[in-house]
Amino acid sequence: MSTRCILIIDDEETIQTVVRFGIRMAAGWKVLTASSGAIGIQTAQIEKPDAILLDVIMPDMDGITAFKALQSHPETRHIPVIFLTAKAQATEKRQFSDLGVSGVITKPFNALDLPEHIARILHW
């Protein structure tokens, strides 16, 4: 797998740490983190990552709102977004797909399998 840059937007520091560890160990990709939707949007605009892992349930700005904001900016609308969520029901996955997200990864997940899962979703 080639070197990629992934932005994780999640309010839980533990999730950020686990994702960062798994992606770096298994793929050697660069990982950026943001603890809120607003910070994540700013980071995406500045850093232009190859993909974004976005938590759905966060305080202040949820993942759906953050995704819509990313889609509304010309400099971030092309970045593929994969939702990270504990909501695994088919109706929610369908709703997320209808929004235009690239994929959904359900929590809990195996951190060392994340790069392979991301690559499969994004056809890398």
PDB file of N, CA and C in Angstrom:
ATOM      1  N   MET A   1       0.849  -1.183   0.000  1.00  0.00           N
ATOM      2  CA  MET A   1       0.000   0.000   0.000  1.00  0.00           C
ATOM      3  C   MET A   1       0.888   1.237   0.000  1.00  0.00           C
ATOM      4  N   SER A   2       0.526   2.221  -0.791  1.00  0.00           N
ATOM      5  CA  SER A   2       1.315   3.442  -0.858  1.00  0.00           C
ATOM      6  C   SER A   2       1.067   4.306   0.369  1.00  0.00           C
ATOM      7  N   THR A   3       1.935   5.297   0.553  1.00  0.00           N
ATOM      8  CA  THR A   3       1.796   6.195   1.694  1.00  0.00           C
ATOM      9  C   THR A   3       0.580   7.090   1.490  1.00  0.00           C
ATOM     10  N   ARG A   4      -0.274   7.109   2.467  1.00  0.00           N
ATOM     11  CA  ARG A   4      -1.502   7.898   2.447  1.00  0.00           C
ATOM     12  C   ARG A   4      -1.560   8.758   3.696  1.00  0.00           C
ATOM     13  N   CYS A   5      -2.463   9.723   3.683  1.00  0.00           N
ATOM     14  CA  CYS A   5      -2.721  10.550   4.856  1.00  0.00           C
ATOM     15  C   CYS A   5      -4.201  10.428   5.207  1.00  0.00           C
ATOM     16  N   ILE A   6      -4.473  10.018   6.427  1.00  0.00           N
ATOM     17  CA  ILE A   6      -5.840   9.818   6.896  1.00  0.00           C
ATOM     18  C   ILE A   6      -6.111  10.796   8.040  1.00  0.00           C
ATOM     19  N   LEU A   7      -7.245  11.459   7.988  1.00  0.00           N
ATOM     20  CA  LEU A   7      -7.688  12.334   9.073  1.00  0.00           C
ATOM     21  C   LEU A   7      -8.783  11.617   9.843  1.00  0.00           C
ATOM     22  N   ILE A   8      -8.585  11.474  11.146  1.00  0.00           N
ATOM     23  CA  ILE A   8      -9.613  10.898  12.001  1.00  0.00           C
ATOM     24  C   ILE A   8     -10.252  12.037  12.786  1.00  0.00           C
ATOM     25  N   ILE A   9     -11.563  12.157  12.656  1.00  0.00           N
ATOM     26  CA  ILE A   9     -12.318  13.158  13.412  1.00  0.00           C
ATOM     27  C   ILE A   9     -13.197  12.398  14.387  1.00  0.00           C
ATOM     28  N   ASP A  10     -12.823  12.454  15.662  1.00  0.00           N
ATOM     29  CA  ASP A  10     -13.544  11.729  16.710  1.00  0.00           C
ATOM     30  C   ASP A  10     -13.295  12.433  18.026  1.00  0.00           C
ATOM     31  N   ASP A  11     -14.340  12.619  18.810  1.00  0.00           N
ATOM     32  CA  ASP A  11     -14.198  13.315  20.084  1.00  0.00           C
ATOM     33  C   ASP A  11     -13.584  12.445  21.174  1.00  0.00           C
ATOM     34  N   GLU A  12     -13.477  11.152  20.947  1.00  0.00           N
ATOM     35  CA  GLU A  12     -12.902  10.247  21.945  1.00  0.00           C
ATOM     36  C   GLU A  12     -11.414  10.049  21.676  1.00  0.00           C
ATOM     37  N   GLU A  13     -10.611  10.490  22.628  1.00  0.00           N
ATOM     38  CA  GLU A  13      -9.163  10.382  22.488  1.00  0.00           C
ATOM     39  C   GLU A  13      -8.710   8.927  22.352  1.00  0.00           C
ATOM     40  N   THR A  14      -9.394   8.019  23.030  1.00  0.00           N
ATOM     41  CA  THR A  14      -9.054   6.600  22.959  1.00  0.00           C
ATOM     42  C   THR A  14      -9.210   6.081  21.531  1.00  0.00           C
ATOM     43  N   ILE A  15     -10.289   6.461  20.871  1.00  0.00           N
ATOM     44  CA  ILE A  15     -10.501   6.029  19.480  1.00  0.00           C
ATOM     45  C   ILE A  15      -9.413   6.607  18.587  1.00  0.00           C
ATOM     46  N   GLN A  16      -9.086   7.882  18.774  1.00  0.00           N
ATOM     47  CA  GLN A  16      -8.015   8.508  17.988  1.00  0.00           C
ATOM     48  C   GLN A  16      -6.710   7.722  18.144  1.00  0.00           C
ATOM     49  N   THR A  17      -6.381   7.371  19.384  1.00  0.00           N
ATOM     50  CA  THR A  17      -5.139   6.651  19.664  1.00  0.00           C
ATOM     51  C   THR A  17      -5.132   5.274  19.022  1.00  0.00           C
ATOM     52  N   VAL A  18      -6.227   4.550  19.151  1.00  0.00           N
ATOM     53  CA  VAL A  18      -6.325   3.196  18.584  1.00  0.00           C
ATOM     54  C   VAL A  18      -6.234   3.248  17.056  1.00  0.00           C
ATOM     55  N   VAL A  19      -6.951   4.190  16.443  1.00  0.00           N
ATOM     56  CA  VAL A  19      -6.920   4.318  14.983  1.00  0.00           C
ATOM     57  C   VAL A  19      -5.518   4.696  14.511  1.00  0.00           C
ATOM     58  N   ARG A  20      -4.922   5.683  15.176  1.00  0.00           N
ATOM     59  CA  ARG A  20      -3.569   6.127  14.800  1.00  0.00           C
ATOM     60  C   ARG A  20      -2.591   4.958  14.880  1.00  0.00           C
ATOM     61  N   PHE A  21      -2.632   4.219  15.981  1.00  0.00           N
ATOM     62  CA  PHE A  21      -1.742   3.079  16.168  1.00  0.00           C
ATOM     63  C   PHE A  21      -1.949   2.035  15.071  1.00  0.00           C
ATOM     64  N   GLY A  22      -3.207   1.645  14.850  1.00  0.00           N
ATOM     65  CA  GLY A  22      -3.497   0.603  13.878  1.00  0.00           C
ATOM     66  C   GLY A  22      -3.075   0.974  12.469  1.00  0.00           C
ATOM     67  N   ILE A  23      -3.372   2.185  12.071  1.00  0.00           N
ATOM     68  CA  ILE A  23      -3.045   2.611  10.700  1.00  0.00           C
ATOM     69  C   ILE A  23      -1.538   2.755  10.522  1.00  0.00           C
ATOM     70  N   ARG A  24      -0.868   3.313  11.510  1.00  0.00           N
ATOM     71  CA  ARG A  24       0.594   3.465  11.398  1.00  0.00           C
ATOM     72  C   ARG A  24       1.294   2.117  11.410  1.00  0.00           C
ATOM     73  N   MET A  25       0.866   1.211  12.303  1.00  0.00           N
ATOM     74  CA  MET A  25       1.516  -0.092  12.424  1.00  0.00           C
ATOM     75  C   MET A  25       1.264  -0.968  11.199  1.00  0.00           C
ATOM     76  N   ALA A  26       0.030  -0.999  10.728  1.00  0.00           N
ATOM     77  CA  ALA A  26      -0.328  -1.918   9.654  1.00  0.00           C
ATOM     78  C   ALA A  26      -0.001  -1.383   8.263  1.00  0.00           C
ATOM     79  N   ALA A  27      -0.009  -0.049   8.095  1.00  0.00           N
ATOM     80  CA  ALA A  27       0.185   0.488   6.749  1.00  0.00           C
ATOM     81  C   ALA A  27       1.268   1.554   6.650  1.00  0.00           C
ATOM     82  N   GLY A  28       1.642   2.140   7.770  1.00  0.00           N
ATOM     83  CA  GLY A  28       2.645   3.194   7.732  1.00  0.00           C
ATOM     84  C   GLY A  28       2.127   4.515   7.198  1.00  0.00           C
ATOM     85  N   TRP A  29       0.809   4.656   7.157  1.00  0.00           N
ATOM     86  CA  TRP A  29       0.227   5.902   6.664  1.00  0.00           C
ATOM     87  C   TRP A  29       0.333   6.996   7.711  1.00  0.00           C
ATOM     88  N   LYS A  30       0.326   8.231   7.239  1.00  0.00           N
ATOM     89  CA  LYS A  30       0.295   9.396   8.130  1.00  0.00           C
ATOM     90  C   LYS A  30      -1.128   9.528   8.681  1.00  0.00           C
ATOM     91  N   VAL A  31      -1.256   9.856   9.956  1.00  0.00           N
ATOM     92  CA  VAL A  31      -2.565  10.016  10.571  1.00  0.00           C
ATOM     93  C   VAL A  31      -2.644  11.375  11.255  1.00  0.00           C
ATOM     94  N   LEU A  32      -3.657  12.138  10.897  1.00  0.00           N
ATOM     95  CA  LEU A  32      -3.961  13.406  11.545  1.00  0.00           C
ATOM     96  C   LEU A  32      -5.196  13.193  12.408  1.00  0.00           C
ATOM     97  N   THR A  33      -5.312  13.949  13.509  1.00  0.00           N
ATOM     98  CA  THR A  33      -6.473  13.795  14.367  1.00  0.00           C
ATOM     99  C   THR A  33      -7.124  15.143  14.639  1.00  0.00           C
ATOM    100  N   ALA A  34      -8.425  15.092  14.854  1.00  0.00           N
ATOM    101  CA  ALA A  34      -9.199  16.262  15.251  1.00  0.00           C
ATOM    102  C   ALA A  34     -10.259  15.796  16.231  1.00  0.00           C
ATOM    103  N   SER A  35     -10.473  16.567  17.288  1.00  0.00           N
ATOM    104  CA  SER A  35     -11.383  16.142  18.353  1.00  0.00           C
ATOM    105  C   SER A  35     -12.789  16.711  18.213  1.00  0.00           C
ATOM    106  N   SER A  36     -13.054  17.440  17.134  1.00  0.00           N
ATOM    107  CA  SER A  36     -14.404  17.963  16.897  1.00  0.00           C
ATOM    108  C   SER A  36     -14.623  18.140  15.400  1.00  0.00           C
ATOM    109  N   GLY A  37     -15.891  18.254  15.037  1.00  0.00           N
ATOM    110  CA  GLY A  37     -16.211  18.467  13.633  1.00  0.00           C
ATOM    111  C   GLY A  37     -15.603  19.749  13.097  1.00  0.00           C
ATOM    112  N   ALA A  38     -15.697  20.833  13.869  1.00  0.00           N
ATOM    113  CA  ALA A  38     -15.176  22.124  13.420  1.00  0.00           C
ATOM    114  C   ALA A  38     -13.662  22.075  13.198  1.00  0.00           C
ATOM    115  N   ILE A  39     -12.942  21.473  14.146  1.00  0.00           N
ATOM    116  CA  ILE A  39     -11.484  21.351  14.004  1.00  0.00           C
ATOM    117  C   ILE A  39     -11.155  20.439  12.823  1.00  0.00           C
ATOM    118  N   GLY A  40     -11.931  19.379  12.660  1.00  0.00           N
ATOM    119  CA  GLY A  40     -11.716  18.455  11.553  1.00  0.00           C
ATOM    120  C   GLY A  40     -11.895  19.120  10.195  1.00  0.00           C
ATOM    121  N   ILE A  41     -12.913  19.951  10.075  1.00  0.00           N
ATOM    122  CA  ILE A  41     -13.151  20.666   8.811  1.00  0.00           C
ATOM    123  C   ILE A  41     -11.967  21.577   8.507  1.00  0.00           C
ATOM    124  N   GLN A  42     -11.508  22.316   9.508  1.00  0.00           N
ATOM    125  CA  GLN A  42     -10.353  23.200   9.317  1.00  0.00           C
ATOM    126  C   GLN A  42      -9.112  22.404   8.930  1.00  0.00           C
ATOM    127  N   THR A  43      -8.880  21.296   9.616  1.00  0.00           N
ATOM    128  CA  THR A  43      -7.719  20.453   9.327  1.00  0.00           C
ATOM    129  C   THR A  43      -7.788  19.912   7.905  1.00  0.00           C
ATOM    130  N   ALA A  44      -8.961  19.473   7.487  1.00  0.00           N
ATOM    131  CA  ALA A  44      -9.131  18.940   6.131  1.00  0.00           C
ATOM    132  C   ALA A  44      -8.855  20.009   5.084  1.00  0.00           C
ATOM    133  N   GLN A  45      -9.304  21.225   5.335  1.00  0.00           N
ATOM    134  CA  GLN A  45      -9.080  22.315   4.384  1.00  0.00           C
ATOM    135  C   GLN A  45      -7.605  22.654   4.243  1.00  0.00           C
ATOM    136  N   ILE A  46      -6.874  22.573   5.352  1.00  0.00           N
ATOM    137  CA  ILE A  46      -5.447  22.914   5.341  1.00  0.00           C
ATOM    138  C   ILE A  46      -4.594  21.752   4.835  1.00  0.00           C
ATOM    139  N   GLU A  47      -4.828  20.557   5.368  1.00  0.00           N
ATOM    140  CA  GLU A  47      -3.962  19.404   5.111  1.00  0.00           C
ATOM    141  C   GLU A  47      -4.342  18.586   3.875  1.00  0.00           C
ATOM    142  N   LYS A  48      -5.596  18.646   3.470  1.00  0.00           N
ATOM    143  CA  LYS A  48      -6.112  17.889   2.322  1.00  0.00           C
ATOM    144  C   LYS A  48      -5.713  16.406   2.376  1.00  0.00           C
ATOM    145  N   PRO A  49      -6.222  15.687   3.390  1.00  0.00           N
ATOM    146  CA  PRO A  49      -5.885  14.265   3.531  1.00  0.00           C
ATOM    147  C   PRO A  49      -6.459  13.437   2.381  1.00  0.00           C
ATOM    148  N   ASP A  50      -5.965  12.218   2.251  1.00  0.00           N
ATOM    149  CA  ASP A  50      -6.465  11.307   1.215  1.00  0.00           C
ATOM    150  C   ASP A  50      -7.842  10.760   1.556  1.00  0.00           C
ATOM    151  N   ALA A  51      -8.154  10.691   2.852  1.00  0.00           N
ATOM    152  CA  ALA A  51      -9.461  10.202   3.297  1.00  0.00           C
ATOM    153  C   ALA A  51      -9.701  10.680   4.725  1.00  0.00           C
ATOM    154  N   ILE A  52     -10.978  10.679   5.107  1.00  0.00           N
ATOM    155  CA  ILE A  52     -11.373  11.091   6.445  1.00  0.00           C
ATOM    156  C   ILE A  52     -12.198   9.982   7.081  1.00  0.00           C
ATOM    157  N   LEU A  53     -11.833   9.627   8.318  1.00  0.00           N
ATOM    158  CA  LEU A  53     -12.656   8.744   9.143  1.00  0.00           C
ATOM    159  C   LEU A  53     -13.397   9.661  10.103  1.00  0.00           C
ATOM    160  N   LEU A  54     -14.718   9.660  10.038  1.00  0.00           N
ATOM    161  CA  LEU A  54     -15.529  10.639  10.751  1.00  0.00           C
ATOM    162  C   LEU A  54     -16.523   9.957  11.684  1.00  0.00           C
ATOM    163  N   ASP A  55     -16.401  10.254  12.974  1.00  0.00           N
ATOM    164  CA  ASP A  55     -17.342   9.733  13.966  1.00  0.00           C
ATOM    165  C   ASP A  55     -18.709  10.361  13.715  1.00  0.00           C
ATOM    166  N   VAL A  56     -19.754   9.585  13.858  1.00  0.00           N
ATOM    167  CA  VAL A  56     -21.108  10.091  13.624  1.00  0.00           C
ATOM    168  C   VAL A  56     -21.627  10.854  14.837  1.00  0.00           C
ATOM    169  N   ILE A  57     -21.408  10.300  16.036  1.00  0.00           N
ATOM    170  CA  ILE A  57     -21.976  10.905  17.239  1.00  0.00           C
ATOM    171  C   ILE A  57     -20.888  11.666  17.992  1.00  0.00           C
ATOM    172  N   MET A  58     -20.970  12.995  17.917  1.00  0.00           N
ATOM    173  CA  MET A  58     -20.048  13.877  18.631  1.00  0.00           C
ATOM    174  C   MET A  58     -20.848  15.055  19.174  1.00  0.00           C
ATOM    175  N   PRO A  59     -20.376  15.639  20.270  1.00  0.00           N
ATOM    176  CA  PRO A  59     -21.064  16.838  20.784  1.00  0.00           C
ATOM    177  C   PRO A  59     -20.810  18.033  19.870  1.00  0.00           C
ATOM    178  N   ASP A  60     -21.590  19.050  20.014  1.00  0.00           N
ATOM    179  CA  ASP A  60     -21.476  20.303  19.265  1.00  0.00           C
ATOM    180  C   ASP A  60     -21.821  20.142  17.782  1.00  0.00           C
ATOM    181  N   MET A  61     -21.042  19.384  17.035  1.00  0.00           N
ATOM    182  CA  MET A  61     -21.317  19.154  15.623  1.00  0.00           C
ATOM    183  C   MET A  61     -21.213  17.659  15.355  1.00  0.00           C
ATOM    184  N   ASP A  62     -22.328  17.029  15.007  1.00  0.00           N
ATOM    185  CA  ASP A  62     -22.283  15.590  14.743  1.00  0.00           C
ATOM    186  C   ASP A  62     -21.626  15.316  13.391  1.00  0.00           C
ATOM    187  N   GLY A  63     -21.368  14.049  13.134  1.00  0.00           N
ATOM    188  CA  GLY A  63     -20.680  13.669  11.914  1.00  0.00           C
ATOM    189  C   GLY A  63     -21.445  13.995  10.647  1.00  0.00           C
ATOM    190  N   ILE A  64     -22.754  13.889  10.676  1.00  0.00           N
ATOM    191  CA  ILE A  64     -23.555  14.195   9.486  1.00  0.00           C
ATOM    192  C   ILE A  64     -23.426  15.672   9.137  1.00  0.00           C
ATOM    193  N   THR A  65     -23.504  16.534  10.140  1.00  0.00           N
ATOM    194  CA  THR A  65     -23.349  17.972   9.911  1.00  0.00           C
ATOM    195  C   THR A  65     -21.947  18.290   9.409  1.00  0.00           C
ATOM    196  N   ALA A  66     -20.937  17.667  10.014  1.00  0.00           N
ATOM    197  CA  ALA A  66     -19.557  17.876   9.578  1.00  0.00           C
ATOM    198  C   ALA A  66     -19.371  17.394   8.140  1.00  0.00           C
ATOM    199  N   PHE A  67     -19.953  16.239   7.803  1.00  0.00           N
ATOM    200  CA  PHE A  67     -19.859  15.718   6.440  1.00  0.00           C
ATOM    201  C   PHE A  67     -20.474  16.694   5.437  1.00  0.00           C
ATOM    202  N   LYS A  68     -21.648  17.211   5.764  1.00  0.00           N
ATOM    203  CA  LYS A  68     -22.300  18.171   4.863  1.00  0.00           C
ATOM    204  C   LYS A  68     -21.452  19.431   4.699  1.00  0.00           C
ATOM    205  N   ALA A  69     -20.813  19.881   5.763  1.00  0.00           N
ATOM    206  CA  ALA A  69     -19.932  21.046   5.675  1.00  0.00           C
ATOM    207  C   ALA A  69     -18.724  20.745   4.792  1.00  0.00           C
ATOM    208  N   LEU A  70     -18.141  19.553   4.947  1.00  0.00           N
ATOM    209  CA  LEU A  70     -17.020  19.157   4.088  1.00  0.00           C
ATOM    210  C   LEU A  70     -17.437  19.122   2.626  1.00  0.00           C
ATOM    211  N   GLN A  71     -18.643  18.635   2.360  1.00  0.00           N
ATOM    212  CA  GLN A  71     -19.146  18.543   0.995  1.00  0.00           C
ATOM    213  C   GLN A  71     -19.429  19.913   0.384  1.00  0.00           C
ATOM    214  N   SER A  72     -19.699  20.897   1.232  1.00  0.00           N
ATOM    215  CA  SER A  72     -20.046  22.225   0.731  1.00  0.00           C
ATOM    216  C   SER A  72     -18.822  23.076   0.376  1.00  0.00           C
ATOM    217  N   HIS A  73     -17.631  22.644   0.774  1.00  0.00           N
ATOM    218  CA  HIS A  73     -16.411  23.395   0.478  1.00  0.00           C
ATOM    219  C   HIS A  73     -15.712  22.796  -0.747  1.00  0.00           C
ATOM    220  N   PRO A  74     -15.408  23.615  -1.741  1.00  0.00           N
ATOM    221  CA  PRO A  74     -14.732  23.091  -2.940  1.00  0.00           C
ATOM    222  C   PRO A  74     -13.413  22.380  -2.639  1.00  0.00           C
ATOM    223  N   GLU A  75     -12.684  22.840  -1.620  1.00  0.00           N
ATOM    224  CA  GLU A  75     -11.381  22.236  -1.337  1.00  0.00           C
ATOM    225  C   GLU A  75     -11.461  20.922  -0.569  1.00  0.00           C
ATOM    226  N   THR A  76     -12.647  20.565  -0.049  1.00  0.00           N
ATOM    227  CA  THR A  76     -12.762  19.303   0.693  1.00  0.00           C
ATOM    228  C   THR A  76     -13.809  18.348   0.129  1.00  0.00           C
ATOM    229  N   ARG A  77     -14.628  18.789  -0.803  1.00  0.00           N
ATOM    230  CA  ARG A  77     -15.730  17.928  -1.269  1.00  0.00           C
ATOM    231  C   ARG A  77     -15.252  16.668  -1.980  1.00  0.00           C
ATOM    232  N   HIS A  78     -14.033  16.682  -2.514  1.00  0.00           N
ATOM    233  CA  HIS A  78     -13.506  15.506  -3.220  1.00  0.00           C
ATOM    234  C   HIS A  78     -12.899  14.461  -2.281  1.00  0.00           C
ATOM    235  N   ILE A  79     -12.696  14.811  -1.002  1.00  0.00           N
ATOM    236  CA  ILE A  79     -12.047  13.891  -0.065  1.00  0.00           C
ATOM    237  C   ILE A  79     -13.057  12.818   0.368  1.00  0.00           C
ATOM    238  N   PRO A  80     -12.731  11.557   0.158  1.00  0.00           N
ATOM    239  CA  PRO A  80     -13.655  10.502   0.582  1.00  0.00           C
ATOM    240  C   PRO A  80     -13.793  10.452   2.097  1.00  0.00           C
ATOM    241  N   VAL A  81     -15.025  10.250   2.555  1.00  0.00           N
ATOM    242  CA  VAL A  81     -15.324  10.195   3.983  1.00  0.00           C
ATOM    243  C   VAL A  81     -15.926   8.837   4.307  1.00  0.00           C
ATOM    244  N   ILE A  82     -15.378   8.221   5.348  1.00  0.00           N
ATOM    245  CA  ILE A  82     -15.901   6.964   5.871  1.00  0.00           C
ATOM    246  C   ILE A  82     -16.390   7.249   7.286  1.00  0.00           C
ATOM    247  N   PHE A  83     -17.649   6.944   7.537  1.00  0.00           N
ATOM    248  CA  PHE A  83     -18.199   7.139   8.876  1.00  0.00           C
ATOM    249  C   PHE A  83     -17.721   6.021   9.802  1.00  0.00           C
ATOM    250  N   LEU A  84     -17.370   6.403  11.024  1.00  0.00           N
ATOM    251  CA  LEU A  84     -17.118   5.467  12.112  1.00  0.00           C
ATOM    252  C   LEU A  84     -18.325   5.567  13.029  1.00  0.00           C
ATOM    253  N   THR A  85     -18.969   4.452  13.298  1.00  0.00           N
ATOM    254  CA  THR A  85     -20.190   4.531  14.090  1.00  0.00           C
ATOM    255  C   THR A  85     -20.485   3.246  14.830  1.00  0.00           C
ATOM    256  N   ALA A  86     -21.158   3.393  15.948  1.00  0.00           N
ATOM    257  CA  ALA A  86     -21.683   2.235  16.665  1.00  0.00           C
ATOM    258  C   ALA A  86     -23.061   1.885  16.116  1.00  0.00           C
ATOM    259  N   LYS A  87     -23.631   2.782  15.316  1.00  0.00           N
ATOM    260  CA  LYS A  87     -24.941   2.541  14.693  1.00  0.00           C
ATOM    261  C   LYS A  87     -24.735   1.643  13.486  1.00  0.00           C
ATOM    262  N   ALA A  88     -25.094   0.391  13.633  1.00  0.00           N
ATOM    263  CA  ALA A  88     -24.810  -0.588  12.583  1.00  0.00           C
ATOM    264  C   ALA A  88     -26.069  -1.103  11.893  1.00  0.00           C
ATOM    265  N   GLN A  89     -27.219  -0.550  12.218  1.00  0.00           N
ATOM    266  CA  GLN A  89     -28.445  -1.048  11.617  1.00  0.00           C
ATOM    267  C   GLN A  89     -28.507  -0.684  10.135  1.00  0.00           C
ATOM    268  N   ALA A  90     -29.169  -1.528   9.383  1.00  0.00           N
ATOM    269  CA  ALA A  90     -29.245  -1.342   7.929  1.00  0.00           C
ATOM    270  C   ALA A  90     -29.860   0.003   7.550  1.00  0.00           C
ATOM    271  N   THR A  91     -30.862   0.447   8.300  1.00  0.00           N
ATOM    272  CA  THR A  91     -31.507   1.723   7.959  1.00  0.00           C
ATOM    273  C   THR A  91     -30.535   2.890   8.103  1.00  0.00           C
ATOM    274  N   GLU A  92     -29.703   2.868   9.147  1.00  0.00           N
ATOM    275  CA  GLU A  92     -28.712   3.933   9.300  1.00  0.00           C
ATOM    276  C   GLU A  92     -27.655   3.856   8.208  1.00  0.00           C
ATOM    277  N   LYS A  93     -27.197   2.658   7.897  1.00  0.00           N
ATOM    278  CA  LYS A  93     -26.193   2.513   6.838  1.00  0.00           C
ATOM    279  C   LYS A  93     -26.744   3.013   5.504  1.00  0.00           C
ATOM    280  N   ARG A  94     -28.008   2.736   5.235  1.00  0.00           N
ATOM    281  CA  ARG A  94     -28.638   3.210   4.010  1.00  0.00           C
ATOM    282  C   ARG A  94     -28.712   4.739   4.005  1.00  0.00           C
ATOM    283  N   GLN A  95     -29.077   5.314   5.167  1.00  0.00           N
ATOM    284  CA  GLN A  95     -29.149   6.772   5.292  1.00  0.00           C
ATOM    285  C   GLN A  95     -27.769   7.389   5.021  1.00  0.00           C
ATOM    286  N   PHE A  96     -26.725   6.803   5.598  1.00  0.00           N
ATOM    287  CA  PHE A  96     -25.372   7.314   5.391  1.00  0.00           C
ATOM    288  C   PHE A  96     -24.972   7.207   3.918  1.00  0.00           C
ATOM    289  N   SER A  97     -25.293   6.089   3.298  1.00  0.00           N
ATOM    290  CA  SER A  97     -24.989   5.897   1.883  1.00  0.00           C
ATOM    291  C   SER A  97     -25.717   6.923   1.027  1.00  0.00           C
ATOM    292  N   ASP A  98     -26.974   7.195   1.372  1.00  0.00           N
ATOM    293  CA  ASP A  98     -27.754   8.188   0.629  1.00  0.00           C
ATOM    294  C   ASP A  98     -27.152   9.583   0.738  1.00  0.00           C
ATOM    295  N   LEU A  99     -26.466   9.861   1.849  1.00  0.00           N
ATOM    296  CA  LEU A  99     -25.801  11.157   2.018  1.00  0.00           C
ATOM    297  C   LEU A  99     -24.618  11.303   1.067  1.00  0.00           C
ATOM    298  N   GLY A 100     -24.014  10.180   0.704  1.00  0.00           N
ATOM    299  CA  GLY A 100     -22.874  10.214  -0.197  1.00  0.00           C
ATOM    300  C   GLY A 100     -21.548   9.843   0.443  1.00  0.00           C
ATOM    301  N   VAL A 101     -21.575   9.296   1.669  1.00  0.00           N
ATOM    302  CA  VAL A 101     -20.314   8.864   2.274  1.00  0.00           C
ATOM    303  C   VAL A 101     -19.764   7.673   1.497  1.00  0.00           C
ATOM    304  N   SER A 102     -18.467   7.523   1.548  1.00  0.00           N
ATOM    305  CA  SER A 102     -17.823   6.440   0.807  1.00  0.00           C
ATOM    306  C   SER A 102     -18.034   5.081   1.439  1.00  0.00           C
ATOM    307  N   GLY A 103     -18.232   5.065   2.756  1.00  0.00           N
ATOM    308  CA  GLY A 103     -18.426   3.798   3.449  1.00  0.00           C
ATOM    309  C   GLY A 103     -18.680   4.001   4.919  1.00  0.00           C
ATOM    310  N   VAL A 104     -18.903   2.876   5.601  1.00  0.00           N
ATOM    311  CA  VAL A 104     -19.169   2.882   7.037  1.00  0.00           C
ATOM    312  C   VAL A 104     -18.339   1.776   7.676  1.00  0.00           C
ATOM    313  N   ILE A 105     -17.642   2.133   8.753  1.00  0.00           N
ATOM    314  CA  ILE A 105     -16.931   1.150   9.565  1.00  0.00           C
ATOM    315  C   ILE A 105     -17.593   1.172  10.932  1.00  0.00           C
ATOM    316  N   THR A 106     -18.012   0.002  11.378  1.00  0.00           N
ATOM    317  CA  THR A 106     -18.755  -0.104  12.626  1.00  0.00           C
ATOM    318  C   THR A 106     -17.807  -0.311  13.803  1.00  0.00           C
ATOM    319  N   LYS A 107     -18.062   0.448  14.874  1.00  0.00           N
ATOM    320  CA  LYS A 107     -17.342   0.253  16.131  1.00  0.00           C
ATOM    321  C   LYS A 107     -18.026  -0.876  16.885  1.00  0.00           C
ATOM    322  N   PRO A 108     -17.289  -1.710  17.573  1.00  0.00           N
ATOM    323  CA  PRO A 108     -15.832  -1.766  17.653  1.00  0.00           C
ATOM    324  C   PRO A 108     -15.230  -2.383  16.390  1.00  0.00           C
ATOM    325  N   PHE A 109     -13.969  -2.111  16.165  1.00  0.00           N
ATOM    326  CA  PHE A 109     -13.268  -2.627  14.989  1.00  0.00           C
ATOM    327  C   PHE A 109     -11.875  -3.058  15.409  1.00  0.00           C
ATOM    328  N   ASN A 110     -11.220  -3.843  14.568  1.00  0.00           N
ATOM    329  CA  ASN A 110      -9.844  -4.258  14.800  1.00  0.00           C
ATOM    330  C   ASN A 110      -8.940  -3.201  14.174  1.00  0.00           C
ATOM    331  N   ALA A 111      -8.179  -2.495  14.997  1.00  0.00           N
ATOM    332  CA  ALA A 111      -7.358  -1.382  14.524  1.00  0.00           C
ATOM    333  C   ALA A 111      -6.347  -1.798  13.462  1.00  0.00           C
ATOM    334  N   LEU A 112      -5.798  -2.989  13.580  1.00  0.00           N
ATOM    335  CA  LEU A 112      -4.791  -3.428  12.614  1.00  0.00           C
ATOM    336  C   LEU A 112      -5.404  -3.800  11.264  1.00  0.00           C
ATOM    337  N   ASP A 113      -6.714  -4.027  11.227  1.00  0.00           N
ATOM    338  CA  ASP A 113      -7.401  -4.312   9.966  1.00  0.00           C
ATOM    339  C   ASP A 113      -7.895  -3.046   9.270  1.00  0.00           C
ATOM    340  N   LEU A 114      -7.814  -1.894   9.946  1.00  0.00           N
ATOM    341  CA  LEU A 114      -8.362  -0.656   9.385  1.00  0.00           C
ATOM    342  C   LEU A 114      -7.788  -0.281   8.015  1.00  0.00           C
ATOM    343  N   PRO A 115      -6.465  -0.283   7.829  1.00  0.00           N
ATOM    344  CA  PRO A 115      -5.955   0.110   6.511  1.00  0.00           C
ATOM    345  C   PRO A 115      -6.502  -0.752   5.374  1.00  0.00           C
ATOM    346  N   GLU A 116      -6.575  -2.059   5.599  1.00  0.00           N
ATOM    347  CA  GLU A 116      -7.116  -2.956   4.572  1.00  0.00           C
ATOM    348  C   GLU A 116      -8.591  -2.645   4.311  1.00  0.00           C
ATOM    349  N   HIS A 117      -9.323  -2.392   5.383  1.00  0.00           N
ATOM    350  CA  HIS A 117     -10.753  -2.077   5.268  1.00  0.00           C
ATOM    351  C   HIS A 117     -10.947  -0.751   4.520  1.00  0.00           C
ATOM    352  N   ILE A 118     -10.147   0.254   4.878  1.00  0.00           N
ATOM    353  CA  ILE A 118     -10.218   1.560   4.209  1.00  0.00           C
ATOM    354  C   ILE A 118      -9.877   1.411   2.730  1.00  0.00           C
ATOM    355  N   ALA A 119      -8.798   0.701   2.451  1.00  0.00           N
ATOM    356  CA  ALA A 119      -8.357   0.499   1.062  1.00  0.00           C
ATOM    357  C   ALA A 119      -9.431  -0.208   0.240  1.00  0.00           C
ATOM    358  N   ARG A 120     -10.099  -1.175   0.843  1.00  0.00           N
ATOM    359  CA  ARG A 120     -11.155  -1.900   0.135  1.00  0.00           C
ATOM    360  C   ARG A 120     -12.328  -0.980  -0.173  1.00  0.00           C
ATOM    361  N   ILE A 121     -12.750  -0.191   0.822  1.00  0.00           N
ATOM    362  CA  ILE A 121     -13.878   0.726   0.636  1.00  0.00           C
ATOM    363  C   ILE A 121     -13.569   1.748  -0.464  1.00  0.00           C
ATOM    364  N   LEU A 122     -12.329   2.254  -0.459  1.00  0.00           N
ATOM    365  CA  LEU A 122     -11.964   3.336  -1.389  1.00  0.00           C
ATOM    366  C   LEU A 122     -11.309   2.833  -2.682  1.00  0.00           C
ATOM    367  N   HIS A 123     -11.211   1.522  -2.830  1.00  0.00           N
ATOM    368  CA  HIS A 123     -10.635   0.904  -4.041  1.00  0.00           C
ATOM    369  C   HIS A 123      -9.205   1.368  -4.282  1.00  0.00           C
ATOM    370  N   TRP A 124      -8.428   1.423  -3.201  1.00  0.00           N
ATOM    371  CA  TRP A 124      -7.008   1.805  -3.308  1.00  0.00           C
ATOM    372  C   TRP A 124      -6.181   0.594  -3.604  1.00  0.00           C
TER     373      TRP A 124
END
